[in-house]
Structure formats: C-alpha cells, structure tokens
C-alpha cells in the first residue's frame, strides 16, 4: 500500500458530486432526549467521479488511472472543485488567508490548516496535500521567500522555517490543495453509449487519512 503523488485528471473530476461526511452516534433516551457524540475529530469526504456521455478517450484515461492505482490499493490526489483554495472560491490566494500559529522562538514547523467559520463556531482542518508552487507564506505581514526563509513539504503540508519565528509573530499562509483519496471500489463498469462515446456511471472515491 502506498500513496501516489499524482492528481486524478481534473478534466474528469470536474462536475463530480460529493463533499464532507461526519459520523454522529445518536442515542435516544427514555425521556425522549438525545445524546449525541462523534468518534471523528475530522470530517471525511466522499465523491463520485462517474461520467455521463464522454469520449472513449476519456473512458480510457479513467481506466488507465484506475489500473495504475490497482483499484483501492493506492491513494492519490483529488481536486475538490468546490473547496480547493485557502480563500473563498471567488477570491485569489493571498499569503494572509489562513493563520497557522504564533512564533515562540523555538518552533520551526507549522502544519497548513484551513479554518471554517460559522457564527462563533469554527472547525480547523489539517491540509496535508498542498499544490506545489501555490503556497504563499508571511510572518506578521512580511512575505517570506520559499527556499530561503522556509521550505514546504507538499506530501505532508508542513512548513519548516530556516529560523524559528520570533515570539508572538503570526504565521499566515495561502495555498491551493488537493484531498488524499482512494477509489472505493475494485471494479469499473463501462458501457458503450454510441459510436466513439461511452459511459462510466459510478466511480466512488473516498478520502483517506495520511
């Protein structure tokens, strides 16, 4: 089992359905009240890359990608077209998009995260698969230079500074990112819809922990 640092073809994932999934355990008490709990700290995303009428070349591209991953065996990158940037979908990435933490003159490594806010409640999501070349970093408003001031591991989403940020200096970052996933099936069903066109109705994809 391994993770392949390759992205599912975006021309095929565009238009796919899916999104975050939570697991909530609900127990109804004798008085009608409920107790709700969750064993998951983080949500898990599911997608369906099933294709409607597409060219046979697209179908062959999908099959080749599936075979190269050995079905469910190996993970890969997935672009979630509804949520792939550190900012809103309509905005451009900025180095001040997400607060990663504060310096303490000791810590050099900071995990990329994305914070989701609704009212007074927030959810902080670790970002493990940033897109190479998309990451922008700043310290309290001062842009940092990749390769000189910091490095980014695009396989883990960890930023490592050359020197520990000063105490109370705020570490911000902006970026694009992928979701680590695997196929949730060991079989791809295809059908010939018409001359030089085919269909693949169901291609389930599931987020994995890395």
C-alpha atoms as a PDB file:
ATOM      1  CA  UNK A   1       0.000   0.000   0.000  1.00  0.00           C
ATOM      2  CA  UNK A   2       1.341   3.426  -0.935  1.00  0.00           C
ATOM      3  CA  UNK A   3       0.244   6.925  -1.789  1.00  0.00           C
ATOM      4  CA  UNK A   4       0.891   8.063  -5.345  1.00  0.00           C
ATOM      5  CA  UNK A   5       1.588  11.797  -5.548  1.00  0.00           C
ATOM      6  CA  UNK A   6      -0.445  12.209  -8.701  1.00  0.00           C
ATOM      7  CA  UNK A   7      -3.719  14.058  -9.215  1.00  0.00           C
ATOM      8  CA  UNK A   8      -6.800  12.452 -10.708  1.00  0.00           C
ATOM      9  CA  UNK A   9      -7.316  14.109 -14.121  1.00  0.00           C
ATOM     10  CA  UNK A  10      -9.117  17.384 -13.444  1.00  0.00           C
ATOM     11  CA  UNK A  11     -10.881  17.214 -16.789  1.00  0.00           C
ATOM     12  CA  UNK A  12     -12.629  14.091 -15.492  1.00  0.00           C
ATOM     13  CA  UNK A  13     -13.258  15.215 -11.899  1.00  0.00           C
ATOM     14  CA  UNK A  14     -14.903  18.495 -12.949  1.00  0.00           C
ATOM     15  CA  UNK A  15     -18.635  18.091 -12.468  1.00  0.00           C
ATOM     16  CA  UNK A  16     -18.290  15.258  -9.947  1.00  0.00           C
ATOM     17  CA  UNK A  17     -20.519  15.141  -6.877  1.00  0.00           C
ATOM     18  CA  UNK A  18     -19.523  14.798  -3.240  1.00  0.00           C
ATOM     19  CA  UNK A  19     -18.444  16.581  -0.100  1.00  0.00           C
ATOM     20  CA  UNK A  20     -17.711  16.184   3.621  1.00  0.00           C
ATOM     21  CA  UNK A  21     -19.198  13.401   5.725  1.00  0.00           C
ATOM     22  CA  UNK A  22     -19.452  13.233   9.507  1.00  0.00           C
ATOM     23  CA  UNK A  23     -20.156  10.273  11.783  1.00  0.00           C
ATOM     24  CA  UNK A  24     -22.541  11.016  14.630  1.00  0.00           C
ATOM     25  CA  UNK A  25     -23.734   8.435  17.148  1.00  0.00           C
ATOM     26  CA  UNK A  26     -27.240   9.253  18.377  1.00  0.00           C
ATOM     27  CA  UNK A  27     -28.823   7.594  21.414  1.00  0.00           C
ATOM     28  CA  UNK A  28     -32.463   8.380  22.223  1.00  0.00           C
ATOM     29  CA  UNK A  29     -33.144   8.285  25.954  1.00  0.00           C
ATOM     30  CA  UNK A  30     -36.324   7.039  27.616  1.00  0.00           C
ATOM     31  CA  UNK A  31     -37.482  10.610  28.201  1.00  0.00           C
ATOM     32  CA  UNK A  32     -37.143  11.443  24.504  1.00  0.00           C
ATOM     33  CA  UNK A  33     -33.982  13.486  24.818  1.00  0.00           C
ATOM     34  CA  UNK A  34     -30.935  12.575  22.761  1.00  0.00           C
ATOM     35  CA  UNK A  35     -27.271  12.069  23.494  1.00  0.00           C
ATOM     36  CA  UNK A  36     -25.056  12.759  20.506  1.00  0.00           C
ATOM     37  CA  UNK A  37     -21.371  12.009  20.175  1.00  0.00           C
ATOM     38  CA  UNK A  38     -18.830  11.509  17.416  1.00  0.00           C
ATOM     39  CA  UNK A  39     -15.692   9.343  17.267  1.00  0.00           C
ATOM     40  CA  UNK A  40     -14.316  11.521  14.436  1.00  0.00           C
ATOM     41  CA  UNK A  41     -12.378  14.720  15.073  1.00  0.00           C
ATOM     42  CA  UNK A  42     -12.324  15.453  11.345  1.00  0.00           C
ATOM     43  CA  UNK A  43     -14.799  15.005   8.542  1.00  0.00           C
ATOM     44  CA  UNK A  44     -14.200  12.572   5.689  1.00  0.00           C
ATOM     45  CA  UNK A  45     -15.041  13.384   2.099  1.00  0.00           C
ATOM     46  CA  UNK A  46     -16.715  11.179  -0.456  1.00  0.00           C
ATOM     47  CA  UNK A  47     -17.010  11.819  -4.176  1.00  0.00           C
ATOM     48  CA  UNK A  48     -18.445  10.172  -7.251  1.00  0.00           C
ATOM     49  CA  UNK A  49     -16.407  10.651 -10.405  1.00  0.00           C
ATOM     50  CA  UNK A  50     -18.935   8.800 -12.513  1.00  0.00           C
ATOM     51  CA  UNK A  51     -19.093  10.140 -16.036  1.00  0.00           C
ATOM     52  CA  UNK A  52     -22.074  10.560 -18.302  1.00  0.00           C
ATOM     53  CA  UNK A  53     -21.657  10.527 -22.052  1.00  0.00           C
ATOM     54  CA  UNK A  54     -17.941  11.050 -22.708  1.00  0.00           C
ATOM     55  CA  UNK A  55     -15.467  10.273 -25.435  1.00  0.00           C
ATOM     56  CA  UNK A  56     -13.884   6.833 -25.469  1.00  0.00           C
ATOM     57  CA  UNK A  57     -10.530   8.560 -24.944  1.00  0.00           C
ATOM     58  CA  UNK A  58     -11.821   9.920 -21.612  1.00  0.00           C
ATOM     59  CA  UNK A  59     -13.015   6.470 -20.622  1.00  0.00           C
ATOM     60  CA  UNK A  60      -9.628   5.001 -21.482  1.00  0.00           C
ATOM     61  CA  UNK A  61      -7.891   7.717 -19.409  1.00  0.00           C
ATOM     62  CA  UNK A  62     -10.039   6.792 -16.410  1.00  0.00           C
ATOM     63  CA  UNK A  63      -9.368   3.081 -16.800  1.00  0.00           C
ATOM     64  CA  UNK A  64      -5.607   3.683 -17.137  1.00  0.00           C
ATOM     65  CA  UNK A  65      -5.608   5.775 -13.947  1.00  0.00           C
ATOM     66  CA  UNK A  66      -7.643   3.130 -12.108  1.00  0.00           C
ATOM     67  CA  UNK A  67      -5.338   0.306 -13.217  1.00  0.00           C
ATOM     68  CA  UNK A  68      -2.212   2.271 -12.268  1.00  0.00           C
ATOM     69  CA  UNK A  69      -3.605   2.675  -8.739  1.00  0.00           C
ATOM     70  CA  UNK A  70      -4.509  -1.055  -8.571  1.00  0.00           C
ATOM     71  CA  UNK A  71      -8.088  -0.210  -7.680  1.00  0.00           C
ATOM     72  CA  UNK A  72      -8.415   0.577  -3.968  1.00  0.00           C
ATOM     73  CA  UNK A  73      -4.800  -0.270  -3.173  1.00  0.00           C
ATOM     74  CA  UNK A  74      -3.021   3.042  -3.703  1.00  0.00           C
ATOM     75  CA  UNK A  75      -4.098   6.548  -2.772  1.00  0.00           C
ATOM     76  CA  UNK A  76      -3.889   9.618  -4.998  1.00  0.00           C
ATOM     77  CA  UNK A  77      -4.680  13.326  -5.109  1.00  0.00           C
ATOM     78  CA  UNK A  78      -8.128  14.685  -5.871  1.00  0.00           C
ATOM     79  CA  UNK A  79      -9.136  18.250  -6.698  1.00  0.00           C
ATOM     80  CA  UNK A  80     -12.360  19.156  -4.936  1.00  0.00           C
ATOM     81  CA  UNK A  81     -13.661  21.845  -7.270  1.00  0.00           C
ATOM     82  CA  UNK A  82     -15.947  23.196  -4.533  1.00  0.00           C
ATOM     83  CA  UNK A  83     -13.150  23.559  -1.951  1.00  0.00           C
ATOM     84  CA  UNK A  84      -9.542  23.679  -3.156  1.00  0.00           C
ATOM     85  CA  UNK A  85      -8.200  27.052  -2.004  1.00  0.00           C
ATOM     86  CA  UNK A  86      -7.296  28.699   1.288  1.00  0.00           C
ATOM     87  CA  UNK A  87      -9.687  31.530   0.425  1.00  0.00           C
ATOM     88  CA  UNK A  88     -13.214  31.777  -0.946  1.00  0.00           C
ATOM     89  CA  UNK A  89     -13.707  30.250  -4.413  1.00  0.00           C
ATOM     90  CA  UNK A  90     -14.277  33.695  -5.959  1.00  0.00           C
ATOM     91  CA  UNK A  91     -11.085  35.176  -4.470  1.00  0.00           C
ATOM     92  CA  UNK A  92      -7.403  34.939  -5.330  1.00  0.00           C
ATOM     93  CA  UNK A  93      -4.973  33.235  -2.969  1.00  0.00           C
ATOM     94  CA  UNK A  94      -3.219  35.585  -0.555  1.00  0.00           C
ATOM     95  CA  UNK A  95      -0.450  34.896   1.948  1.00  0.00           C
ATOM     96  CA  UNK A  96      -2.704  36.188   4.740  1.00  0.00           C
ATOM     97  CA  UNK A  97      -5.553  33.736   4.087  1.00  0.00           C
ATOM     98  CA  UNK A  98      -5.045  31.319   6.980  1.00  0.00           C
ATOM     99  CA  UNK A  99      -3.486  31.717  10.421  1.00  0.00           C
ATOM    100  CA  UNK A 100      -1.251  28.717  11.173  1.00  0.00           C
ATOM    101  CA  UNK A 101       0.002  29.750  14.588  1.00  0.00           C
ATOM    102  CA  UNK A 102       2.310  32.054  16.511  1.00  0.00           C
ATOM    103  CA  UNK A 103       6.058  32.010  16.834  1.00  0.00           C
ATOM    104  CA  UNK A 104       7.784  31.212  20.117  1.00  0.00           C
ATOM    105  CA  UNK A 105      11.453  31.498  19.036  1.00  0.00           C
ATOM    106  CA  UNK A 106      11.673  27.676  19.236  1.00  0.00           C
ATOM    107  CA  UNK A 107       9.152  26.076  16.863  1.00  0.00           C
ATOM    108  CA  UNK A 108      10.194  25.884  13.215  1.00  0.00           C
ATOM    109  CA  UNK A 109       7.469  23.591  11.814  1.00  0.00           C
ATOM    110  CA  UNK A 110       3.868  24.625  11.180  1.00  0.00           C
ATOM    111  CA  UNK A 111       1.090  22.490   9.694  1.00  0.00           C
ATOM    112  CA  UNK A 112      -1.039  24.008   6.956  1.00  0.00           C
ATOM    113  CA  UNK A 113      -4.649  24.293   8.096  1.00  0.00           C
ATOM    114  CA  UNK A 114      -7.909  25.750   6.847  1.00  0.00           C
ATOM    115  CA  UNK A 115     -10.374  27.227   9.321  1.00  0.00           C
ATOM    116  CA  UNK A 116     -14.104  27.042   8.602  1.00  0.00           C
ATOM    117  CA  UNK A 117     -16.232  29.569  10.493  1.00  0.00           C
ATOM    118  CA  UNK A 118     -19.960  29.782  11.129  1.00  0.00           C
ATOM    119  CA  UNK A 119     -21.079  32.224  13.788  1.00  0.00           C
ATOM    120  CA  UNK A 120     -18.917  31.765  16.873  1.00  0.00           C
ATOM    121  CA  UNK A 121     -18.024  28.177  15.969  1.00  0.00           C
ATOM    122  CA  UNK A 122     -15.006  27.081  13.975  1.00  0.00           C
ATOM    123  CA  UNK A 123     -13.510  23.882  12.577  1.00  0.00           C
ATOM    124  CA  UNK A 124      -9.784  23.652  11.853  1.00  0.00           C
ATOM    125  CA  UNK A 125      -8.941  21.212   9.061  1.00  0.00           C
ATOM    126  CA  UNK A 126      -5.355  19.975   8.565  1.00  0.00           C
ATOM    127  CA  UNK A 127      -4.206  20.366   4.962  1.00  0.00           C
ATOM    128  CA  UNK A 128      -1.829  17.535   4.025  1.00  0.00           C
ATOM    129  CA  UNK A 129      -1.598  17.866   0.249  1.00  0.00           C
ATOM    130  CA  UNK A 130      -0.857  21.445  -0.866  1.00  0.00           C
ATOM    131  CA  UNK A 131      -0.280  22.021  -4.568  1.00  0.00           C
ATOM    132  CA  UNK A 132       3.380  22.592  -5.397  1.00  0.00           C
ATOM    133  CA  UNK A 133       4.153  26.180  -6.327  1.00  0.00           C
ATOM    134  CA  UNK A 134       0.913  27.566  -4.886  1.00  0.00           C
ATOM    135  CA  UNK A 135       1.949  28.169  -1.259  1.00  0.00           C
ATOM    136  CA  UNK A 136       2.468  31.756  -0.060  1.00  0.00           C
ATOM    137  CA  UNK A 137       3.736  32.462   3.479  1.00  0.00           C
ATOM    138  CA  UNK A 138       4.090  35.596   5.590  1.00  0.00           C
ATOM    139  CA  UNK A 139       5.126  36.454   9.149  1.00  0.00           C
ATOM    140  CA  UNK A 140       3.018  39.239  10.654  1.00  0.00           C
ATOM    141  CA  UNK A 141       2.548  40.814   7.239  1.00  0.00           C
ATOM    142  CA  UNK A 142       6.098  40.290   5.963  1.00  0.00           C
ATOM    143  CA  UNK A 143       6.236  37.974   2.892  1.00  0.00           C
ATOM    144  CA  UNK A 144       8.607  35.012   3.211  1.00  0.00           C
ATOM    145  CA  UNK A 145      10.649  33.536   0.377  1.00  0.00           C
ATOM    146  CA  UNK A 146      10.357  29.801  -0.267  1.00  0.00           C
ATOM    147  CA  UNK A 147      13.731  28.105  -0.347  1.00  0.00           C
ATOM    148  CA  UNK A 148      15.349  30.894   1.638  1.00  0.00           C
ATOM    149  CA  UNK A 149      13.090  31.609   4.615  1.00  0.00           C
ATOM    150  CA  UNK A 150      11.148  28.346   4.606  1.00  0.00           C
ATOM    151  CA  UNK A 151      10.516  25.067   2.811  1.00  0.00           C
ATOM    152  CA  UNK A 152       7.205  23.310   2.227  1.00  0.00           C
ATOM    153  CA  UNK A 153       6.699  19.560   2.168  1.00  0.00           C
ATOM    154  CA  UNK A 154       3.911  19.091  -0.383  1.00  0.00           C
ATOM    155  CA  UNK A 155       3.404  15.483   0.766  1.00  0.00           C
ATOM    156  CA  UNK A 156       2.533  16.440   4.365  1.00  0.00           C
ATOM    157  CA  UNK A 157       1.632  20.143   4.296  1.00  0.00           C
ATOM    158  CA  UNK A 158       4.315  21.041   6.848  1.00  0.00           C
ATOM    159  CA  UNK A 159       6.128  24.371   6.554  1.00  0.00           C
ATOM    160  CA  UNK A 160       9.653  24.451   8.018  1.00  0.00           C
ATOM    161  CA  UNK A 161      11.286  27.809   8.679  1.00  0.00           C
ATOM    162  CA  UNK A 162      15.024  28.281   8.394  1.00  0.00           C
ATOM    163  CA  UNK A 163      14.939  30.195  11.670  1.00  0.00           C
ATOM    164  CA  UNK A 164      12.231  29.952  14.361  1.00  0.00           C
ATOM    165  CA  UNK A 165       9.738  32.813  14.022  1.00  0.00           C
ATOM    166  CA  UNK A 166      10.010  35.470  16.707  1.00  0.00           C
ATOM    167  CA  UNK A 167       7.824  35.231  19.766  1.00  0.00           C
ATOM    168  CA  UNK A 168       4.192  36.195  19.076  1.00  0.00           C
ATOM    169  CA  UNK A 169       4.843  36.725  15.367  1.00  0.00           C
ATOM    170  CA  UNK A 170       1.859  35.368  13.443  1.00  0.00           C
ATOM    171  CA  UNK A 171       2.377  32.749  10.767  1.00  0.00           C
ATOM    172  CA  UNK A 172      -0.021  33.026   7.828  1.00  0.00           C
ATOM    173  CA  UNK A 173      -0.261  31.092   4.570  1.00  0.00           C
ATOM    174  CA  UNK A 174      -2.308  30.884   1.396  1.00  0.00           C
ATOM    175  CA  UNK A 175      -2.372  27.935  -0.975  1.00  0.00           C
ATOM    176  CA  UNK A 176      -4.227  25.542  -3.233  1.00  0.00           C
ATOM    177  CA  UNK A 177      -4.648  21.973  -2.033  1.00  0.00           C
ATOM    178  CA  UNK A 178      -5.786  18.501  -3.004  1.00  0.00           C
ATOM    179  CA  UNK A 179      -7.617  15.845  -0.993  1.00  0.00           C
ATOM    180  CA  UNK A 180      -5.848  12.498  -0.376  1.00  0.00           C
ATOM    181  CA  UNK A 181      -8.220   9.799  -1.602  1.00  0.00           C
ATOM    182  CA  UNK A 182      -8.509   6.267  -2.947  1.00  0.00           C
ATOM    183  CA  UNK A 183     -11.015   4.509  -5.140  1.00  0.00           C
ATOM    184  CA  UNK A 184     -13.813   2.993  -3.057  1.00  0.00           C
ATOM    185  CA  UNK A 185     -14.300   0.099  -5.471  1.00  0.00           C
ATOM    186  CA  UNK A 186     -12.201  -2.552  -7.158  1.00  0.00           C
ATOM    187  CA  UNK A 187     -14.310  -2.557 -10.301  1.00  0.00           C
ATOM    188  CA  UNK A 188     -15.046  -0.016 -13.004  1.00  0.00           C
ATOM    189  CA  UNK A 189     -18.189  -0.585 -15.074  1.00  0.00           C
ATOM    190  CA  UNK A 190     -18.210   0.947 -18.529  1.00  0.00           C
ATOM    191  CA  UNK A 191     -20.727   0.858 -21.347  1.00  0.00           C
ATOM    192  CA  UNK A 192     -20.570   1.862 -24.994  1.00  0.00           C
ATOM    193  CA  UNK A 193     -23.253   4.521 -25.366  1.00  0.00           C
ATOM    194  CA  UNK A 194     -22.748   5.336 -29.018  1.00  0.00           C
ATOM    195  CA  UNK A 195     -20.063   5.374 -31.672  1.00  0.00           C
ATOM    196  CA  UNK A 196     -16.854   6.733 -30.076  1.00  0.00           C
ATOM    197  CA  UNK A 197     -18.695   7.569 -26.840  1.00  0.00           C
ATOM    198  CA  UNK A 198     -19.064   5.711 -23.565  1.00  0.00           C
ATOM    199  CA  UNK A 199     -20.399   5.989 -20.021  1.00  0.00           C
ATOM    200  CA  UNK A 200     -18.992   5.144 -16.589  1.00  0.00           C
ATOM    201  CA  UNK A 201     -21.945   5.648 -14.240  1.00  0.00           C
ATOM    202  CA  UNK A 202     -20.277   5.083 -10.856  1.00  0.00           C
ATOM    203  CA  UNK A 203     -16.729   5.812  -9.722  1.00  0.00           C
ATOM    204  CA  UNK A 204     -16.792   6.168  -5.913  1.00  0.00           C
ATOM    205  CA  UNK A 205     -13.821   7.949  -4.336  1.00  0.00           C
ATOM    206  CA  UNK A 206     -13.123   8.160  -0.572  1.00  0.00           C
ATOM    207  CA  UNK A 207     -10.844  10.457   1.434  1.00  0.00           C
ATOM    208  CA  UNK A 208      -8.085   8.701   3.376  1.00  0.00           C
ATOM    209  CA  UNK A 209      -6.065   9.701   6.430  1.00  0.00           C
ATOM    210  CA  UNK A 210      -2.410  10.378   5.744  1.00  0.00           C
END
